[in-house]
Amino acid sequence: MDDESLRRRSGRVAVVLARLAVAILLAAPQAFAGDAARRPPNLLLIVDDDHAAGTLGAAGDPHGATPHLDALARQGVYFERAYCNAPLCTPSRQSFITGKLPHATGVTRLPTALPESMRTLGHLLGERGYRTAAIGKMHFNGPSSHGFELRRDYAEWLKHIGSHPPPRGDRRKPWRPMIDPPATWLNARVEDAGLDAESMDATYFVNRAIRFMKADAGRPFALVVSFYEPHAPFHFPEESRGRFRPEQFPAWRLSERDRIEQPKVFRTLSEADVRGVQAAYYTSAAFVDEQIGRLVRALDDEGHGADTLVVYLSDNGYMLGQHGRFEKHCFYEPAVRVPLIVRQTGRLPAGRRVTDLVELVDVLPTIFSLLGQPIPPGLHGIDQSGLVVGAPGAAGRPVVFSEYNENEEAMARSDRYKLIVGTGRRARKDGYAPSNPPTGPYERLYDVQADPDETTDLAADPRLAAVKAALLRSLSERFRATWEGPKPIPAGLTERQTIGWCLTPRDRPNPWAGRHM
């Protein structure tokens, strides 16, 4: 038996042992609990929008914007190095809700609708007797509920405030990204949303979610509550004005390379604007943190803390001025590293911190394992429940993967190094084109341990040729192992050609684009 075969066999044995340990650890607290213990746990999946992992107090941020999420991390298991599989809302969300990578869902671009053929968390748990609901932003980009019995989103909130007018009036302004100056659509003046807290969409979503949790106690529930904050324009209610001030935040220094690669749209932002955008972002993050705290408190007050698996994550991260950017749409750490917290009171460890690398596509199989449900076949994620409970031998991924097909880029990140590969052949249509776009294929290699701010590109360093080759191979192999596109990957392609071929967007046109839903 060669070394590679031995390694794979050892890995399979470790997985089996870890799953056995998970089953024992999860069963132990309920061994003598009687018939009630055999009812499956509920699921509460909480999703933020563009919440950068580094802005949580649990991650060391000093601003104090997330006390409720920090408490959730202390009560449960906090993953310090979780990564999205696409630094863009729609493909990331449709990936973790289906357990398949973006290129396999057919959703790699912002406006693409999730195909009806894709099975979601709603289908999979609904078929197993769960009451299912998706409340808030799902980015399905169409009218389908995609397997969820109850679906409530922005349109229902608009109807609600139409029948329940805000007591001090509705002063909302239109949001026009890429049309208005960036200082306006990025809220550099730190303006409130024009509504009181009780009238905000996040408040409505939490109120509706609490109603759902209280209904029909005879069946377990699987509830997704997804917020629009802290996505630009960083909404917060009038009561939150002044929570954070621009002078509390830095105006980042940019290198010459940053200026060359900085999206043109951000070049007019002044230092005052940069500080103001951060203040607006943190104020929005603090508001949604309060709403998450209210949601979790209601769950616990109903006595569901011990029988509900709570999972918190963000669809992607966000750049807050680093490298001259206010966006995701790239592979710098703030854009792709996301918060991930798992809690079930009395059943999962409290205060556990996991430093292993994991991906959001791993969330779905991990949820099924922690709920005691068979993991659906064909998922691209890995069951990380062993990491959650601290099972002996449990380990995360050696390399995490992310793709941004709109710019035909992909990322492979190991414990120490990050490789970014791009074709340089596609004119960007996302509004974030640099002043000097690449004219051909490119590679970027960063030592993220020695250079956490990713300032020095080592791709041309001959001493790291083997590192670069291994990460390039991992990208190619990941595409080949998970490809479910409309056409098979052509035979005879090199690793670099395989990556480029798979990064070409092949999303179907959205028939609902431009319609009111």
Protein backbone atom coordinates (compact mmCIF):
# COMPACT_ATOMS: atom_id res chain seq x y z
CA MET A 1 0.00 0.00 0.00
CA ASP A 2 1.52 3.37 -1.02
CA ASP A 3 1.67 6.45 1.24
CA GLU A 4 -1.29 8.14 -0.45
CA SER A 5 -3.54 5.09 -0.08
CA LEU A 6 -2.49 4.71 3.54
CA ARG A 7 -3.25 8.37 4.19
CA ARG A 8 -6.72 8.09 2.67
CA ARG A 9 -7.47 4.88 4.57
CA SER A 10 -6.33 6.48 7.83
CA GLY A 11 -8.51 9.47 7.08
CA ARG A 12 -11.57 7.27 6.54
CA VAL A 13 -10.91 5.45 9.81
CA ALA A 14 -10.58 8.78 11.64
CA VAL A 15 -13.91 9.94 10.22
CA VAL A 16 -15.67 6.75 11.34
CA LEU A 17 -14.20 7.02 14.84
CA ALA A 18 -15.10 10.71 15.07
CA ARG A 19 -18.72 10.02 14.06
CA LEU A 20 -18.95 7.22 16.61
CA ALA A 21 -17.60 9.57 19.27
CA VAL A 22 -20.12 12.23 18.24
CA ALA A 23 -23.00 9.78 18.55
CA ILE A 24 -21.87 8.75 22.03
CA LEU A 25 -21.27 12.33 23.19
CA LEU A 26 -24.62 13.57 21.89
CA ALA A 27 -26.55 10.66 23.34
CA ALA A 28 -24.97 10.79 26.81
CA PRO A 29 -26.96 13.75 28.27
CA GLN A 30 -30.25 12.13 27.17
CA ALA A 31 -29.57 8.52 28.08
CA PHE A 32 -32.16 8.46 30.90
CA ALA A 33 -34.43 11.28 29.77
CA GLY A 34 -37.37 9.09 28.68
CA ASP A 35 -39.51 9.26 25.56
CA ALA A 36 -39.25 13.06 25.18
CA ALA A 37 -35.55 12.66 24.48
CA ARG A 38 -36.32 10.77 21.29
CA ARG A 39 -38.00 13.77 19.67
CA PRO A 40 -35.55 15.41 17.23
CA PRO A 41 -34.15 18.79 18.27
CA ASN A 42 -35.48 21.96 16.68
CA LEU A 43 -33.27 24.05 14.41
CA LEU A 44 -32.86 27.83 14.45
CA LEU A 45 -30.50 29.01 11.69
CA ILE A 46 -29.71 32.74 11.95
CA VAL A 47 -28.09 34.45 8.96
CA ASP A 48 -26.60 37.93 8.78
CA ASP A 49 -25.72 39.72 5.56
CA ASP A 50 -22.12 40.89 4.96
CA HIS A 51 -21.12 40.49 8.62
CA ALA A 52 -17.32 40.38 8.71
CA ALA A 53 -16.00 37.82 11.20
CA GLY A 54 -13.45 40.23 12.62
CA THR A 55 -16.08 42.69 13.83
CA LEU A 56 -17.36 40.38 16.58
CA GLY A 57 -16.16 40.91 20.12
CA ALA A 58 -15.61 37.14 20.22
CA ALA A 59 -12.99 37.66 17.49
CA GLY A 60 -11.25 40.38 19.49
CA ASP A 61 -12.92 43.48 18.08
CA PRO A 62 -12.79 46.27 20.72
CA HIS A 63 -15.87 48.29 19.70
CA GLY A 64 -18.50 46.28 21.59
CA ALA A 65 -21.03 46.08 18.74
CA THR A 66 -22.00 42.42 19.22
CA PRO A 67 -22.65 41.61 22.91
CA HIS A 68 -25.46 39.15 22.13
CA LEU A 69 -23.46 37.23 19.52
CA ASP A 70 -20.50 37.23 21.89
CA ALA A 71 -22.74 35.70 24.55
CA LEU A 72 -23.93 33.09 22.06
CA ALA A 73 -20.28 32.22 21.34
CA ARG A 74 -19.61 31.81 25.07
CA GLN A 75 -22.65 29.55 25.40
CA GLY A 76 -21.70 27.39 22.45
CA VAL A 77 -18.99 26.55 19.93
CA TYR A 78 -17.27 29.35 18.01
CA PHE A 79 -15.47 28.58 14.74
CA GLU A 80 -12.61 31.05 14.35
CA ARG A 81 -11.77 30.13 10.75
CA ALA A 82 -14.93 29.50 8.76
CA TYR A 83 -15.01 30.56 5.10
CA CYS A 84 -17.77 31.27 2.59
CA ASN A 85 -17.75 29.37 -0.70
CA ALA A 86 -18.43 32.54 -2.67
CA PRO A 87 -17.82 36.16 -1.60
CA LEU A 88 -21.24 37.20 -2.88
CA CYS A 89 -24.70 36.95 -1.30
CA THR A 90 -26.73 34.86 -3.78
CA PRO A 91 -24.28 32.06 -4.61
CA SER A 92 -23.13 31.78 -1.00
CA ARG A 93 -26.67 31.51 0.37
CA GLN A 94 -27.82 28.98 -2.21
CA SER A 95 -24.69 26.95 -1.52
CA PHE A 96 -25.08 26.54 2.24
CA ILE A 97 -28.88 26.07 2.07
CA THR A 98 -28.42 23.17 -0.42
CA GLY A 99 -25.07 21.77 0.75
CA LYS A 100 -23.60 22.08 -2.75
CA LEU A 101 -20.93 24.39 -4.13
CA PRO A 102 -22.07 27.39 -6.22
CA HIS A 103 -21.03 25.98 -9.60
CA ALA A 104 -23.10 22.86 -8.84
CA THR A 105 -26.24 24.75 -7.81
CA GLY A 106 -26.11 26.72 -11.05
CA VAL A 107 -26.07 29.94 -9.02
CA THR A 108 -22.78 31.82 -9.35
CA ARG A 109 -24.05 35.35 -10.06
CA LEU A 110 -26.09 37.85 -8.06
CA PRO A 111 -29.38 37.86 -10.06
CA THR A 112 -29.62 34.11 -10.71
CA ALA A 113 -32.69 32.28 -9.42
CA LEU A 114 -32.23 29.04 -7.50
CA PRO A 115 -33.40 26.23 -9.83
CA GLU A 116 -36.49 24.34 -8.70
CA SER A 117 -34.53 21.11 -9.07
CA MET A 118 -32.25 22.00 -6.16
CA ARG A 119 -33.27 20.52 -2.80
CA THR A 120 -32.87 22.81 0.18
CA LEU A 121 -32.87 22.53 3.93
CA GLY A 122 -36.62 23.17 3.72
CA HIS A 123 -37.25 20.12 1.54
CA LEU A 124 -34.90 17.84 3.42
CA LEU A 125 -36.18 18.52 6.94
CA GLY A 126 -39.81 19.03 5.88
CA GLU A 127 -39.84 15.48 4.55
CA ARG A 128 -38.68 14.30 7.96
CA GLY A 129 -41.60 15.81 9.84
CA TYR A 130 -40.27 19.27 10.64
CA ARG A 131 -42.32 22.46 10.42
CA THR A 132 -40.19 24.67 8.18
CA ALA A 133 -40.02 28.42 7.69
CA ALA A 134 -37.71 30.90 5.98
CA ILE A 135 -38.18 34.42 7.30
CA GLY A 136 -36.21 37.33 5.87
CA LYS A 137 -33.63 37.56 3.10
CA MET A 138 -33.04 34.29 1.24
CA HIS A 139 -32.06 35.63 -2.20
CA PHE A 140 -34.02 32.92 -4.00
CA ASN A 141 -34.61 35.56 -6.73
CA GLY A 142 -38.00 34.12 -7.61
CA PRO A 143 -41.46 33.43 -6.17
CA SER A 144 -40.81 29.84 -5.05
CA SER A 145 -40.58 28.96 -1.35
CA HIS A 146 -38.11 26.18 -2.23
CA GLY A 147 -39.45 23.64 0.23
CA PHE A 148 -40.25 25.93 3.16
CA GLU A 149 -43.85 25.79 4.42
CA LEU A 150 -43.79 29.41 5.52
CA ARG A 151 -41.97 32.14 3.60
CA ARG A 152 -41.91 35.79 4.70
CA ASP A 153 -39.63 38.47 3.28
CA TYR A 154 -39.37 42.16 2.41
CA ALA A 155 -42.70 42.33 0.56
CA GLU A 156 -44.60 41.12 3.63
CA TRP A 157 -42.77 43.67 5.79
CA LEU A 158 -43.75 46.47 3.39
CA LYS A 159 -47.38 45.40 3.69
CA HIS A 160 -46.99 45.37 7.47
CA ILE A 161 -45.72 48.94 7.76
CA GLY A 162 -48.39 49.99 5.27
CA SER A 163 -51.06 48.77 7.68
CA HIS A 164 -49.06 49.79 10.79
CA PRO A 165 -47.68 53.24 9.89
CA PRO A 166 -44.53 54.25 11.81
CA PRO A 167 -45.56 56.61 14.64
CA ARG A 168 -43.08 59.28 13.54
CA GLY A 169 -43.61 58.73 9.84
CA ASP A 170 -41.77 56.84 7.12
CA ARG A 171 -38.65 58.81 6.13
CA ARG A 172 -36.92 56.08 4.13
CA LYS A 173 -34.81 57.16 1.17
CA PRO A 174 -34.18 55.14 -2.00
CA TRP A 175 -30.90 53.22 -2.09
CA ARG A 176 -29.17 53.63 -5.46
CA PRO A 177 -25.78 51.86 -5.46
CA MET A 178 -23.50 52.66 -8.37
CA ILE A 179 -25.82 55.54 -9.33
CA ASP A 180 -25.40 57.93 -6.41
CA PRO A 181 -21.87 58.83 -5.25
CA PRO A 182 -20.34 56.04 -3.13
CA ALA A 183 -20.33 58.22 -0.02
CA THR A 184 -24.12 58.36 -0.35
CA TRP A 185 -24.93 54.70 -0.98
CA LEU A 186 -22.34 53.61 1.59
CA ASN A 187 -23.93 55.94 4.16
CA ALA A 188 -20.74 57.84 5.01
CA ARG A 189 -22.84 60.46 6.81
CA VAL A 190 -24.09 57.76 9.22
CA GLU A 191 -27.78 58.47 8.63
CA ASP A 192 -30.51 56.34 10.18
CA ALA A 193 -32.95 54.37 8.03
CA GLY A 194 -35.79 56.83 8.53
CA LEU A 195 -37.77 54.49 10.81
CA ASP A 196 -38.12 53.80 14.51
CA ALA A 197 -36.83 50.46 15.83
CA GLU A 198 -40.27 48.88 16.10
CA SER A 199 -40.95 49.57 12.40
CA MET A 200 -37.68 48.13 11.04
CA ASP A 201 -37.75 45.04 8.85
CA ALA A 202 -35.40 43.16 11.23
CA THR A 203 -37.86 43.75 14.07
CA TYR A 204 -40.73 42.43 11.94
CA PHE A 205 -38.75 39.32 11.00
CA VAL A 206 -37.97 38.53 14.63
CA ASN A 207 -41.60 39.11 15.68
CA ARG A 208 -42.78 36.76 12.95
CA ALA A 209 -40.17 34.17 13.85
CA ILE A 210 -41.23 34.20 17.51
CA ARG A 211 -44.83 33.57 16.45
CA PHE A 212 -43.67 30.61 14.38
CA MET A 213 -41.64 29.12 17.23
CA LYS A 214 -44.62 29.30 19.59
CA ALA A 215 -47.07 27.59 17.21
CA ASP A 216 -47.83 23.86 16.83
CA ALA A 217 -45.61 22.55 19.63
CA GLY A 218 -46.34 18.95 18.62
CA ARG A 219 -43.77 18.98 15.80
CA PRO A 220 -40.11 20.03 15.78
CA PHE A 221 -39.37 23.18 13.81
CA ALA A 222 -36.63 24.17 11.39
CA LEU A 223 -36.56 27.95 11.16
CA VAL A 224 -34.25 30.16 9.11
CA VAL A 225 -34.22 33.83 10.16
CA SER A 226 -32.16 35.91 7.76
CA PHE A 227 -31.48 39.63 8.08
CA TYR A 228 -30.61 42.36 5.58
CA GLU A 229 -28.16 43.97 8.00
CA PRO A 230 -25.37 44.97 8.14
CA HIS A 231 -25.36 45.06 4.31
CA ALA A 232 -25.04 48.52 2.72
CA PRO A 233 -26.55 51.07 3.22
CA PHE A 234 -26.07 49.81 6.79
CA HIS A 235 -29.57 50.44 8.07
CA PHE A 236 -30.25 51.21 11.71
CA PRO A 237 -33.23 52.89 13.43
CA GLU A 238 -33.40 56.47 14.57
CA GLU A 239 -32.91 55.39 18.20
CA SER A 240 -29.42 54.12 17.27
CA ARG A 241 -28.14 57.46 15.95
CA GLY A 242 -24.75 58.31 17.44
CA ARG A 243 -24.03 54.78 18.68
CA PHE A 244 -20.71 54.87 16.81
CA ARG A 245 -18.83 57.95 15.58
CA PRO A 246 -16.52 58.24 12.56
CA GLU A 247 -13.55 59.33 14.68
CA GLN A 248 -13.56 55.91 16.40
CA PHE A 249 -12.36 54.22 13.20
CA PRO A 250 -9.17 54.25 11.09
CA ALA A 251 -8.59 55.67 7.64
CA TRP A 252 -6.54 52.84 6.16
CA ARG A 253 -3.21 53.52 4.47
CA LEU A 254 -3.06 52.14 0.95
CA SER A 255 -0.04 50.72 -0.81
CA GLU A 256 0.74 51.52 -4.41
CA ARG A 257 -0.57 48.10 -5.39
CA ASP A 258 -3.79 48.77 -3.46
CA ARG A 259 -4.29 51.95 -5.46
CA ILE A 260 -3.73 50.13 -8.74
CA GLU A 261 -6.16 47.33 -7.88
CA GLN A 262 -8.70 49.43 -5.96
CA PRO A 263 -12.12 49.45 -7.65
CA LYS A 264 -12.63 52.73 -9.44
CA VAL A 265 -15.93 53.30 -7.66
CA PHE A 266 -14.17 53.87 -4.31
CA ARG A 267 -11.55 56.34 -5.49
CA THR A 268 -13.59 59.43 -4.62
CA LEU A 269 -14.00 58.48 -0.95
CA SER A 270 -12.21 60.86 1.42
CA GLU A 271 -10.66 59.88 4.76
CA ALA A 272 -13.74 61.29 6.48
CA ASP A 273 -15.95 59.14 4.24
CA VAL A 274 -13.92 56.01 5.05
CA ARG A 275 -14.36 56.62 8.77
CA GLY A 276 -18.04 57.41 8.35
CA VAL A 277 -18.80 54.24 6.39
CA GLN A 278 -17.27 52.17 9.17
CA ALA A 279 -19.32 53.99 11.80
CA ALA A 280 -22.51 53.29 9.83
CA TYR A 281 -21.56 49.62 9.39
CA TYR A 282 -20.91 49.11 13.10
CA THR A 283 -24.13 50.87 14.05
CA SER A 284 -26.07 48.56 11.73
CA ALA A 285 -24.23 45.52 13.10
CA ALA A 286 -25.09 46.59 16.65
CA PHE A 287 -28.77 46.92 15.75
CA VAL A 288 -29.02 43.47 14.18
CA ASP A 289 -27.12 42.07 17.17
CA GLU A 290 -29.88 43.42 19.42
CA GLN A 291 -32.51 41.72 17.28
CA ILE A 292 -30.61 38.43 17.36
CA GLY A 293 -30.40 38.75 21.12
CA ARG A 294 -34.17 39.26 21.29
CA LEU A 295 -34.76 36.20 19.09
CA VAL A 296 -32.51 33.90 21.13
CA ARG A 297 -33.93 35.23 24.40
CA ALA A 298 -37.46 34.41 23.19
CA LEU A 299 -36.32 30.90 22.26
CA ASP A 300 -34.85 30.39 25.72
CA ASP A 301 -37.85 31.93 27.47
CA GLU A 302 -40.06 29.39 25.70
CA GLY A 303 -37.92 26.64 27.21
CA HIS A 304 -36.35 25.64 23.88
CA GLY A 305 -32.70 26.34 24.70
CA ALA A 306 -31.95 22.69 25.41
CA ASP A 307 -33.99 21.19 22.58
CA THR A 308 -32.99 23.59 19.80
CA LEU A 309 -29.80 23.61 17.76
CA VAL A 310 -28.94 27.27 17.15
CA VAL A 311 -26.56 28.04 14.26
CA TYR A 312 -25.41 31.58 13.49
CA LEU A 313 -23.45 32.58 10.38
CA SER A 314 -23.05 35.29 7.76
CA ASP A 315 -23.29 34.69 4.03
CA ASN A 316 -19.90 36.32 3.43
CA GLY A 317 -17.60 38.83 5.05
CA TYR A 318 -17.00 42.48 4.19
CA MET A 319 -14.10 44.82 3.52
CA LEU A 320 -14.23 47.92 5.73
CA GLY A 321 -11.67 50.06 3.94
CA GLN A 322 -8.80 47.57 3.93
CA HIS A 323 -6.97 47.73 0.59
CA GLY A 324 -9.25 50.65 -0.31
CA ARG A 325 -12.39 48.49 -0.55
CA PHE A 326 -15.93 48.51 0.86
CA GLU A 327 -17.31 45.29 -0.58
CA LYS A 328 -16.90 41.53 -0.67
CA HIS A 329 -16.35 40.39 -4.32
CA CYS A 330 -12.72 39.41 -3.61
CA PHE A 331 -10.65 36.94 -1.59
CA TYR A 332 -8.98 39.07 1.04
CA GLU A 333 -9.58 37.58 4.49
CA PRO A 334 -12.19 40.12 5.68
CA ALA A 335 -14.30 39.33 2.58
CA VAL A 336 -14.27 35.53 2.85
CA ARG A 337 -13.88 34.70 6.56
CA VAL A 338 -17.27 34.51 8.22
CA PRO A 339 -18.60 34.12 11.76
CA LEU A 340 -19.96 30.67 12.65
CA ILE A 341 -21.43 29.76 16.05
CA VAL A 342 -23.24 26.55 17.08
CA ARG A 343 -25.16 26.25 20.38
CA GLN A 344 -27.44 23.76 22.08
CA THR A 345 -27.63 24.38 25.81
CA GLY A 346 -26.58 21.40 27.90
CA ARG A 347 -25.93 19.21 24.87
CA LEU A 348 -23.01 20.87 23.13
CA PRO A 349 -19.87 22.27 24.77
CA ALA A 350 -19.99 25.84 26.04
CA GLY A 351 -17.10 28.19 25.42
CA ARG A 352 -15.39 25.89 22.92
CA ARG A 353 -13.33 27.61 20.21
CA VAL A 354 -12.38 25.74 17.05
CA THR A 355 -9.40 26.89 14.98
CA ASP A 356 -9.66 24.27 12.22
CA LEU A 357 -10.54 25.42 8.70
CA VAL A 358 -14.16 24.83 7.67
CA GLU A 359 -16.49 26.01 4.89
CA LEU A 360 -20.11 27.13 4.87
CA VAL A 361 -20.96 24.20 2.59
CA ASP A 362 -20.10 22.03 5.62
CA VAL A 363 -22.95 23.56 7.65
CA LEU A 364 -25.78 21.47 6.18
CA PRO A 365 -24.29 18.00 6.80
CA THR A 366 -23.14 19.14 10.23
CA ILE A 367 -26.66 20.29 11.09
CA PHE A 368 -28.12 16.93 10.07
CA SER A 369 -25.58 15.07 12.16
CA LEU A 370 -26.23 17.23 15.24
CA LEU A 371 -30.00 16.81 14.79
CA GLY A 372 -29.51 13.03 14.75
CA GLN A 373 -30.73 12.82 11.15
CA PRO A 374 -29.16 10.77 8.35
CA ILE A 375 -27.02 13.02 6.17
CA PRO A 376 -28.53 13.36 2.67
CA PRO A 377 -26.42 11.82 -0.08
CA GLY A 378 -24.59 13.86 -2.68
CA LEU A 379 -23.69 16.88 -0.52
CA HIS A 380 -20.38 18.64 -1.09
CA GLY A 381 -19.86 19.56 2.55
CA ILE A 382 -18.15 17.59 5.30
CA ASP A 383 -19.86 16.67 8.58
CA GLN A 384 -17.97 18.78 11.13
CA SER A 385 -19.95 17.64 14.16
CA GLY A 386 -16.81 15.99 15.51
CA LEU A 387 -15.19 19.43 15.72
CA VAL A 388 -18.31 20.79 17.42
CA VAL A 389 -18.24 18.27 20.26
CA GLY A 390 -14.45 17.88 20.43
CA ALA A 391 -14.41 14.24 19.32
CA PRO A 392 -10.95 12.60 19.36
CA GLY A 393 -9.35 12.68 15.93
CA ALA A 394 -11.80 15.22 14.50
CA ALA A 395 -10.17 17.65 12.10
CA GLY A 396 -11.25 20.37 9.72
CA ARG A 397 -10.30 20.80 6.09
CA PRO A 398 -6.64 20.99 5.02
CA VAL A 399 -7.67 23.48 2.32
CA VAL A 400 -10.80 25.63 1.99
CA PHE A 401 -12.28 26.62 -1.37
CA SER A 402 -14.16 29.68 -2.61
CA GLU A 403 -15.16 30.84 -6.09
CA TYR A 404 -16.21 34.16 -7.59
CA ASN A 405 -17.31 33.38 -11.11
CA GLU A 406 -18.40 36.93 -11.91
CA ASN A 407 -14.70 37.78 -12.01
CA GLU A 408 -13.56 34.23 -12.92
CA GLU A 409 -11.50 33.90 -9.74
CA ALA A 410 -11.05 31.10 -7.22
CA MET A 411 -9.29 30.73 -3.88
CA ALA A 412 -7.57 27.83 -2.12
CA ARG A 413 -6.45 28.56 1.44
CA SER A 414 -4.45 26.21 3.63
CA ASP A 415 -3.47 26.74 7.24
CA ARG A 416 -0.64 29.04 6.18
CA TYR A 417 -0.97 29.98 2.52
CA LYS A 418 -3.65 31.38 0.24
CA LEU A 419 -3.63 31.07 -3.54
CA ILE A 420 -5.92 33.19 -5.72
CA VAL A 421 -6.24 32.23 -9.38
CA GLY A 422 -7.93 34.36 -12.04
CA THR A 423 -8.40 34.16 -15.77
CA GLY A 424 -8.14 37.91 -16.40
CA ARG A 425 -10.37 37.49 -19.44
CA ARG A 426 -13.78 38.58 -18.20
CA ALA A 427 -14.94 42.21 -18.11
CA ARG A 428 -16.42 42.63 -14.65
CA LYS A 429 -20.14 43.39 -14.54
CA ASP A 430 -20.43 43.84 -10.77
CA GLY A 431 -19.40 47.52 -10.66
CA TYR A 432 -16.09 46.87 -8.91
CA ALA A 433 -13.65 46.91 -11.84
CA PRO A 434 -10.18 48.27 -10.98
CA SER A 435 -8.62 51.16 -12.84
CA ASN A 436 -6.06 48.76 -14.30
CA PRO A 437 -7.76 45.39 -14.82
CA PRO A 438 -5.56 42.36 -15.51
CA THR A 439 -5.06 41.54 -19.17
CA GLY A 440 -4.46 37.81 -18.78
CA PRO A 441 -4.22 34.93 -16.31
CA TYR A 442 -2.85 35.78 -12.88
CA GLU A 443 -1.99 34.18 -9.57
CA ARG A 444 -1.59 35.69 -6.10
CA LEU A 445 0.02 33.82 -3.21
CA TYR A 446 0.01 35.09 0.37
CA ASP A 447 1.57 33.77 3.56
CA VAL A 448 -1.42 34.57 5.75
CA GLN A 449 0.40 33.62 8.94
CA ALA A 450 3.40 35.88 8.43
CA ASP A 451 1.43 38.49 6.45
CA PRO A 452 -2.15 38.52 7.80
CA ASP A 453 -2.97 41.78 6.02
CA GLU A 454 -2.05 40.17 2.68
CA THR A 455 0.29 42.90 1.50
CA THR A 456 3.04 40.83 -0.16
CA ASP A 457 2.36 38.63 -3.18
CA LEU A 458 4.72 35.61 -3.16
CA ALA A 459 3.48 33.94 -6.36
CA ALA A 460 6.80 34.54 -8.14
CA ASP A 461 8.95 33.22 -5.27
CA PRO A 462 10.65 30.03 -6.57
CA ARG A 463 11.00 28.73 -3.00
CA LEU A 464 7.20 28.44 -2.83
CA ALA A 465 6.68 26.79 -6.21
CA ALA A 466 5.68 23.50 -4.58
CA VAL A 467 3.22 25.27 -2.26
CA LYS A 468 1.62 27.05 -5.22
CA ALA A 469 1.47 23.84 -7.25
CA ALA A 470 -0.23 21.95 -4.41
CA LEU A 471 -2.88 24.63 -3.95
CA LEU A 472 -3.43 24.86 -7.69
CA ARG A 473 -3.95 21.09 -7.76
CA SER A 474 -6.44 21.29 -4.88
CA LEU A 475 -8.52 23.84 -6.83
CA SER A 476 -8.57 21.69 -9.94
CA GLU A 477 -9.41 18.53 -7.99
CA ARG A 478 -12.20 20.26 -6.07
CA PHE A 479 -13.86 21.41 -9.28
CA ARG A 480 -13.55 17.96 -10.85
CA ALA A 481 -14.88 16.17 -7.76
CA THR A 482 -17.95 18.40 -7.44
CA TRP A 483 -18.76 19.34 -11.02
CA GLU A 484 -22.47 19.09 -11.83
CA GLY A 485 -22.63 21.61 -14.62
CA PRO A 486 -24.74 21.36 -17.78
CA LYS A 487 -21.69 20.06 -19.65
CA PRO A 488 -18.94 17.71 -18.46
CA ILE A 489 -15.45 19.08 -17.98
CA PRO A 490 -13.56 18.46 -21.23
CA ALA A 491 -10.89 15.77 -21.17
CA GLY A 492 -7.24 16.64 -21.52
CA LEU A 493 -7.28 20.01 -19.75
CA THR A 494 -4.39 21.03 -17.55
CA GLU A 495 -5.09 21.97 -13.94
CA ARG A 496 -4.98 25.67 -14.82
CA GLN A 497 -7.25 25.13 -17.83
CA THR A 498 -9.69 23.10 -15.75
CA ILE A 499 -10.01 25.93 -13.21
CA GLY A 500 -10.53 28.53 -15.93
CA TRP A 501 -13.12 26.40 -17.74
CA CYS A 502 -15.09 25.79 -14.54
CA LEU A 503 -15.04 29.46 -13.55
CA THR A 504 -16.91 30.57 -16.68
CA PRO A 505 -20.42 31.60 -15.51
CA ARG A 506 -23.08 29.29 -16.94
CA ASP A 507 -26.09 30.49 -14.94
CA ARG A 508 -29.44 30.33 -16.68
CA PRO A 509 -31.21 33.67 -17.27
CA ASN A 510 -33.64 34.52 -14.49
CA PRO A 511 -37.20 34.69 -15.92
CA TRP A 512 -38.28 36.67 -12.84
CA ALA A 513 -35.61 39.36 -13.16
CA GLY A 514 -37.12 42.82 -12.99
CA ARG A 515 -40.52 41.61 -11.79
CA HIS A 516 -42.05 42.60 -8.49
CA MET A 517 -42.06 39.61 -6.15
